[in-house]
Amino acid sequence: MQPSYETVQEWTDKIEAEMKRAGYWRDEPLPSEMYNFSQAFAMDTMPFSYWLQFIFIPRVRSIIDEQGQFPSRSMVGVQAIREFDGDDNADELVTLLNGFDDLFDS
């Protein structure tokens, strides 16, 4: 069963707020060439935090706005554990991203 759009929006807002609080939010847009990625999480062109801000969050919000179908599962929390390993500043962000994944584990 898919989570409600409202629930996903709440989690997305929390993730964005935590990224800003922790200093992972970028004010400037990305250079266009960074969007030419071929690997999961755009690992070949941008840091994970950029992927969260410029790919993940806008995509989730687009699905909400269009009342579309969410993917059947999320692995963003698992990737966050890998990417932010040893970064104590990211602890709450990792917790939130794992909570986001849990929304789709029913």
N, C-alpha and C. Protein backbone atom coordinates (compact mmCIF):
# COMPACT_ATOMS: atom_id res chain seq x y z
N MET A 1 0.84 -1.20 0.00
CA MET A 1 0.00 0.00 0.00
C MET A 1 0.88 1.25 0.00
N GLN A 2 0.52 2.17 -0.84
CA GLN A 2 1.26 3.42 -0.96
C GLN A 2 0.93 4.36 0.20
N PRO A 3 1.91 5.12 0.69
CA PRO A 3 1.61 6.13 1.70
C PRO A 3 0.81 7.26 1.07
N SER A 4 0.16 8.05 1.91
CA SER A 4 -0.61 9.18 1.39
C SER A 4 0.32 10.27 0.86
N TYR A 5 -0.19 11.05 -0.06
CA TYR A 5 0.58 12.17 -0.58
C TYR A 5 0.95 13.13 0.54
N GLU A 6 0.04 13.33 1.48
CA GLU A 6 0.28 14.25 2.59
C GLU A 6 1.44 13.76 3.45
N THR A 7 1.47 12.48 3.73
CA THR A 7 2.55 11.91 4.54
C THR A 7 3.89 12.06 3.84
N VAL A 8 3.93 11.75 2.56
CA VAL A 8 5.18 11.87 1.81
C VAL A 8 5.61 13.33 1.74
N GLN A 9 4.66 14.25 1.58
CA GLN A 9 5.00 15.68 1.56
C GLN A 9 5.61 16.11 2.90
N GLU A 10 5.04 15.65 4.00
CA GLU A 10 5.58 15.98 5.32
C GLU A 10 7.02 15.50 5.47
N TRP A 11 7.29 14.27 5.05
CA TRP A 11 8.65 13.73 5.15
C TRP A 11 9.60 14.48 4.24
N THR A 12 9.15 14.83 3.05
CA THR A 12 9.99 15.56 2.11
C THR A 12 10.33 16.93 2.68
N ASP A 13 9.37 17.59 3.28
CA ASP A 13 9.61 18.90 3.90
C ASP A 13 10.62 18.78 5.04
N LYS A 14 10.51 17.71 5.84
CA LYS A 14 11.45 17.50 6.94
C LYS A 14 12.86 17.27 6.41
N ILE A 15 12.97 16.51 5.35
CA ILE A 15 14.28 16.23 4.74
C ILE A 15 14.90 17.54 4.23
N GLU A 16 14.12 18.34 3.53
CA GLU A 16 14.63 19.62 3.04
C GLU A 16 15.07 20.52 4.19
N ALA A 17 14.25 20.63 5.21
CA ALA A 17 14.58 21.48 6.35
C ALA A 17 15.87 21.01 7.03
N GLU A 18 16.03 19.71 7.16
CA GLU A 18 17.25 19.19 7.80
C GLU A 18 18.46 19.42 6.91
N MET A 19 18.31 19.29 5.61
CA MET A 19 19.43 19.58 4.72
C MET A 19 19.88 21.03 4.87
N LYS A 20 18.94 21.93 4.97
CA LYS A 20 19.27 23.35 5.15
C LYS A 20 19.93 23.58 6.50
N ARG A 21 19.37 22.97 7.55
CA ARG A 21 19.92 23.15 8.90
C ARG A 21 21.35 22.62 8.98
N ALA A 22 21.60 21.50 8.34
CA ALA A 22 22.90 20.85 8.43
C ALA A 22 23.92 21.40 7.43
N GLY A 23 23.50 22.31 6.56
CA GLY A 23 24.42 22.94 5.62
C GLY A 23 24.64 22.17 4.33
N TYR A 24 23.73 21.28 4.00
CA TYR A 24 23.84 20.51 2.76
C TYR A 24 23.07 21.12 1.60
N TRP A 25 22.36 22.21 1.83
CA TRP A 25 21.52 22.82 0.79
C TRP A 25 22.35 23.82 0.01
N ARG A 26 22.27 23.76 -1.30
CA ARG A 26 23.03 24.63 -2.19
C ARG A 26 22.09 25.73 -2.71
N ASP A 27 22.53 26.97 -2.61
CA ASP A 27 21.71 28.08 -3.08
C ASP A 27 21.78 28.28 -4.59
N GLU A 28 22.91 27.94 -5.20
CA GLU A 28 23.08 28.14 -6.63
C GLU A 28 22.60 26.91 -7.39
N PRO A 29 22.07 27.11 -8.59
CA PRO A 29 21.69 25.94 -9.42
C PRO A 29 22.94 25.18 -9.85
N LEU A 30 22.74 23.94 -10.21
CA LEU A 30 23.84 23.12 -10.69
C LEU A 30 24.17 23.43 -12.15
N PRO A 31 25.42 23.27 -12.54
CA PRO A 31 25.74 23.37 -13.96
C PRO A 31 24.99 22.27 -14.72
N SER A 32 24.56 22.58 -15.91
CA SER A 32 23.72 21.64 -16.66
C SER A 32 24.40 20.30 -16.90
N GLU A 33 25.72 20.27 -17.04
CA GLU A 33 26.41 19.01 -17.30
C GLU A 33 26.30 18.02 -16.14
N MET A 34 26.01 18.50 -14.95
CA MET A 34 25.87 17.61 -13.80
C MET A 34 24.61 16.74 -13.91
N TYR A 35 23.67 17.16 -14.74
CA TYR A 35 22.44 16.38 -14.93
C TYR A 35 22.62 15.26 -15.95
N ASN A 36 23.77 15.18 -16.57
CA ASN A 36 24.05 14.13 -17.56
C ASN A 36 24.65 12.91 -16.87
N PHE A 37 23.91 12.35 -15.95
CA PHE A 37 24.42 11.21 -15.18
C PHE A 37 23.89 9.91 -15.75
N SER A 38 24.63 8.85 -15.48
CA SER A 38 24.21 7.53 -15.93
C SER A 38 24.18 6.51 -14.80
N GLN A 39 24.67 6.88 -13.64
CA GLN A 39 24.69 5.97 -12.50
C GLN A 39 23.58 6.29 -11.51
N ALA A 40 23.23 5.30 -10.73
CA ALA A 40 22.22 5.50 -9.68
C ALA A 40 22.67 6.62 -8.75
N PHE A 41 21.72 7.42 -8.30
CA PHE A 41 21.97 8.55 -7.40
C PHE A 41 22.94 9.57 -8.02
N ALA A 42 23.09 9.53 -9.34
CA ALA A 42 23.97 10.46 -10.07
C ALA A 42 25.39 10.46 -9.52
N MET A 43 25.82 9.32 -9.05
CA MET A 43 27.14 9.22 -8.42
C MET A 43 28.27 9.61 -9.36
N ASP A 44 28.04 9.55 -10.65
CA ASP A 44 29.08 9.87 -11.62
C ASP A 44 29.20 11.37 -11.92
N THR A 45 28.24 12.18 -11.45
CA THR A 45 28.32 13.61 -11.78
C THR A 45 28.12 14.56 -10.61
N MET A 46 27.60 14.09 -9.48
CA MET A 46 27.33 15.02 -8.39
C MET A 46 27.39 14.32 -7.04
N PRO A 47 27.66 15.10 -5.97
CA PRO A 47 27.59 14.53 -4.63
C PRO A 47 26.15 14.11 -4.29
N PHE A 48 26.03 13.18 -3.39
CA PHE A 48 24.73 12.67 -2.99
C PHE A 48 23.80 13.78 -2.50
N SER A 49 24.33 14.73 -1.74
CA SER A 49 23.49 15.82 -1.23
C SER A 49 22.90 16.64 -2.38
N TYR A 50 23.65 16.82 -3.46
CA TYR A 50 23.11 17.53 -4.62
C TYR A 50 22.00 16.71 -5.26
N TRP A 51 22.21 15.40 -5.36
CA TRP A 51 21.18 14.53 -5.93
C TRP A 51 19.89 14.63 -5.11
N LEU A 52 20.03 14.63 -3.80
CA LEU A 52 18.84 14.77 -2.95
C LEU A 52 18.10 16.07 -3.27
N GLN A 53 18.84 17.16 -3.33
CA GLN A 53 18.22 18.47 -3.54
C GLN A 53 17.68 18.67 -4.94
N PHE A 54 18.43 18.27 -5.95
CA PHE A 54 18.08 18.64 -7.32
C PHE A 54 17.38 17.55 -8.11
N ILE A 55 17.40 16.32 -7.64
CA ILE A 55 16.75 15.22 -8.35
C ILE A 55 15.66 14.59 -7.48
N PHE A 56 16.03 14.11 -6.32
CA PHE A 56 15.11 13.37 -5.46
C PHE A 56 13.93 14.23 -4.99
N ILE A 57 14.20 15.33 -4.31
CA ILE A 57 13.12 16.16 -3.76
C ILE A 57 12.20 16.69 -4.86
N PRO A 58 12.74 17.25 -5.95
CA PRO A 58 11.82 17.70 -7.02
C PRO A 58 11.00 16.56 -7.62
N ARG A 59 11.59 15.38 -7.75
CA ARG A 59 10.85 14.24 -8.33
C ARG A 59 9.71 13.82 -7.40
N VAL A 60 9.99 13.74 -6.11
CA VAL A 60 8.94 13.38 -5.15
C VAL A 60 7.83 14.41 -5.18
N ARG A 61 8.19 15.68 -5.20
CA ARG A 61 7.18 16.74 -5.23
C ARG A 61 6.38 16.72 -6.53
N SER A 62 7.01 16.37 -7.61
CA SER A 62 6.31 16.25 -8.88
C SER A 62 5.26 15.14 -8.83
N ILE A 63 5.63 14.01 -8.27
CA ILE A 63 4.67 12.91 -8.12
C ILE A 63 3.48 13.35 -7.27
N ILE A 64 3.76 14.06 -6.19
CA ILE A 64 2.69 14.55 -5.32
C ILE A 64 1.79 15.52 -6.09
N ASP A 65 2.39 16.49 -6.78
CA ASP A 65 1.62 17.50 -7.53
C ASP A 65 0.74 16.87 -8.60
N GLU A 66 1.27 15.83 -9.24
CA GLU A 66 0.53 15.17 -10.32
C GLU A 66 -0.37 14.04 -9.83
N GLN A 67 -0.34 13.82 -8.49
CA GLN A 67 -1.09 12.70 -7.91
C GLN A 67 -0.71 11.40 -8.63
N GLY A 68 0.59 11.28 -8.89
CA GLY A 68 1.11 10.12 -9.60
C GLY A 68 1.39 8.94 -8.69
N GLN A 69 2.02 7.95 -9.26
CA GLN A 69 2.33 6.71 -8.55
C GLN A 69 3.77 6.77 -8.05
N PHE A 70 3.95 6.53 -6.76
CA PHE A 70 5.29 6.45 -6.21
C PHE A 70 5.93 5.12 -6.60
N PRO A 71 7.27 5.08 -6.64
CA PRO A 71 7.92 3.78 -6.83
C PRO A 71 7.50 2.82 -5.72
N SER A 72 7.60 1.53 -5.98
CA SER A 72 7.14 0.55 -5.00
C SER A 72 8.02 0.50 -3.75
N ARG A 73 9.26 0.94 -3.87
CA ARG A 73 10.12 1.01 -2.69
C ARG A 73 11.15 2.10 -2.86
N SER A 74 11.75 2.48 -1.75
CA SER A 74 12.77 3.51 -1.75
C SER A 74 14.02 2.96 -1.07
N MET A 75 15.17 3.32 -1.61
CA MET A 75 16.45 2.91 -1.04
C MET A 75 17.34 4.11 -0.74
N VAL A 76 16.72 5.28 -0.62
CA VAL A 76 17.49 6.50 -0.41
C VAL A 76 18.16 6.50 0.97
N GLY A 77 17.52 5.90 1.95
CA GLY A 77 18.12 5.82 3.28
C GLY A 77 19.34 4.93 3.31
N VAL A 78 19.27 3.83 2.60
CA VAL A 78 20.40 2.91 2.51
C VAL A 78 21.60 3.62 1.88
N GLN A 79 21.34 4.37 0.81
CA GLN A 79 22.43 5.12 0.17
C GLN A 79 22.96 6.20 1.09
N ALA A 80 22.08 6.84 1.85
CA ALA A 80 22.52 7.88 2.79
C ALA A 80 23.47 7.32 3.83
N ILE A 81 23.20 6.10 4.30
CA ILE A 81 24.10 5.47 5.27
C ILE A 81 25.49 5.33 4.66
N ARG A 82 25.55 4.90 3.42
CA ARG A 82 26.85 4.74 2.73
C ARG A 82 27.54 6.09 2.53
N GLU A 83 26.78 7.05 2.03
CA GLU A 83 27.36 8.34 1.66
C GLU A 83 27.79 9.18 2.86
N PHE A 84 27.04 9.12 3.92
CA PHE A 84 27.31 9.98 5.07
C PHE A 84 27.98 9.25 6.23
N ASP A 85 28.50 8.06 5.97
CA ASP A 85 29.18 7.28 7.00
C ASP A 85 30.30 8.11 7.64
N GLY A 86 30.25 8.24 8.94
CA GLY A 86 31.26 8.99 9.68
C GLY A 86 31.01 10.48 9.76
N ASP A 87 29.97 10.98 9.13
CA ASP A 87 29.65 12.41 9.16
C ASP A 87 28.57 12.64 10.22
N ASP A 88 28.99 12.99 11.43
CA ASP A 88 28.04 13.18 12.53
C ASP A 88 27.03 14.27 12.24
N ASN A 89 27.37 15.22 11.39
CA ASN A 89 26.46 16.31 11.03
C ASN A 89 25.26 15.79 10.24
N ALA A 90 25.38 14.60 9.67
CA ALA A 90 24.31 14.05 8.83
C ALA A 90 23.43 13.04 9.56
N ASP A 91 23.64 12.82 10.85
CA ASP A 91 22.89 11.79 11.56
C ASP A 91 21.38 11.94 11.43
N GLU A 92 20.87 13.14 11.65
CA GLU A 92 19.42 13.35 11.59
C GLU A 92 18.91 13.21 10.15
N LEU A 93 19.69 13.66 9.20
CA LEU A 93 19.30 13.51 7.79
C LEU A 93 19.21 12.03 7.42
N VAL A 94 20.18 11.25 7.84
CA VAL A 94 20.16 9.81 7.57
C VAL A 94 18.93 9.17 8.22
N THR A 95 18.62 9.58 9.44
CA THR A 95 17.43 9.06 10.13
C THR A 95 16.17 9.39 9.35
N LEU A 96 16.06 10.61 8.87
CA LEU A 96 14.88 11.02 8.10
C LEU A 96 14.79 10.26 6.78
N LEU A 97 15.89 10.07 6.11
CA LEU A 97 15.87 9.35 4.83
C LEU A 97 15.51 7.88 5.03
N ASN A 98 15.96 7.29 6.12
CA ASN A 98 15.56 5.93 6.43
C ASN A 98 14.07 5.86 6.78
N GLY A 99 13.57 6.87 7.46
CA GLY A 99 12.14 6.96 7.73
C GLY A 99 11.34 7.08 6.46
N PHE A 100 11.87 7.83 5.50
CA PHE A 100 11.22 7.94 4.19
C PHE A 100 11.13 6.56 3.54
N ASP A 101 12.22 5.82 3.56
CA ASP A 101 12.20 4.45 3.00
C ASP A 101 11.14 3.59 3.67
N ASP A 102 11.01 3.74 4.98
CA ASP A 102 10.04 2.93 5.74
C ASP A 102 8.60 3.18 5.30
N LEU A 103 8.33 4.35 4.73
CA LEU A 103 6.98 4.64 4.25
C LEU A 103 6.54 3.64 3.17
N PHE A 104 7.53 3.07 2.47
CA PHE A 104 7.25 2.21 1.33
C PHE A 104 7.48 0.72 1.63
N ASP A 105 7.71 0.41 2.89
CA ASP A 105 7.97 -0.98 3.28
C ASP A 105 6.75 -1.68 3.84
N SER A 106 5.59 -1.38 3.32
CA SER A 106 4.41 -2.07 3.85
C SER A 106 3.93 -3.14 2.91
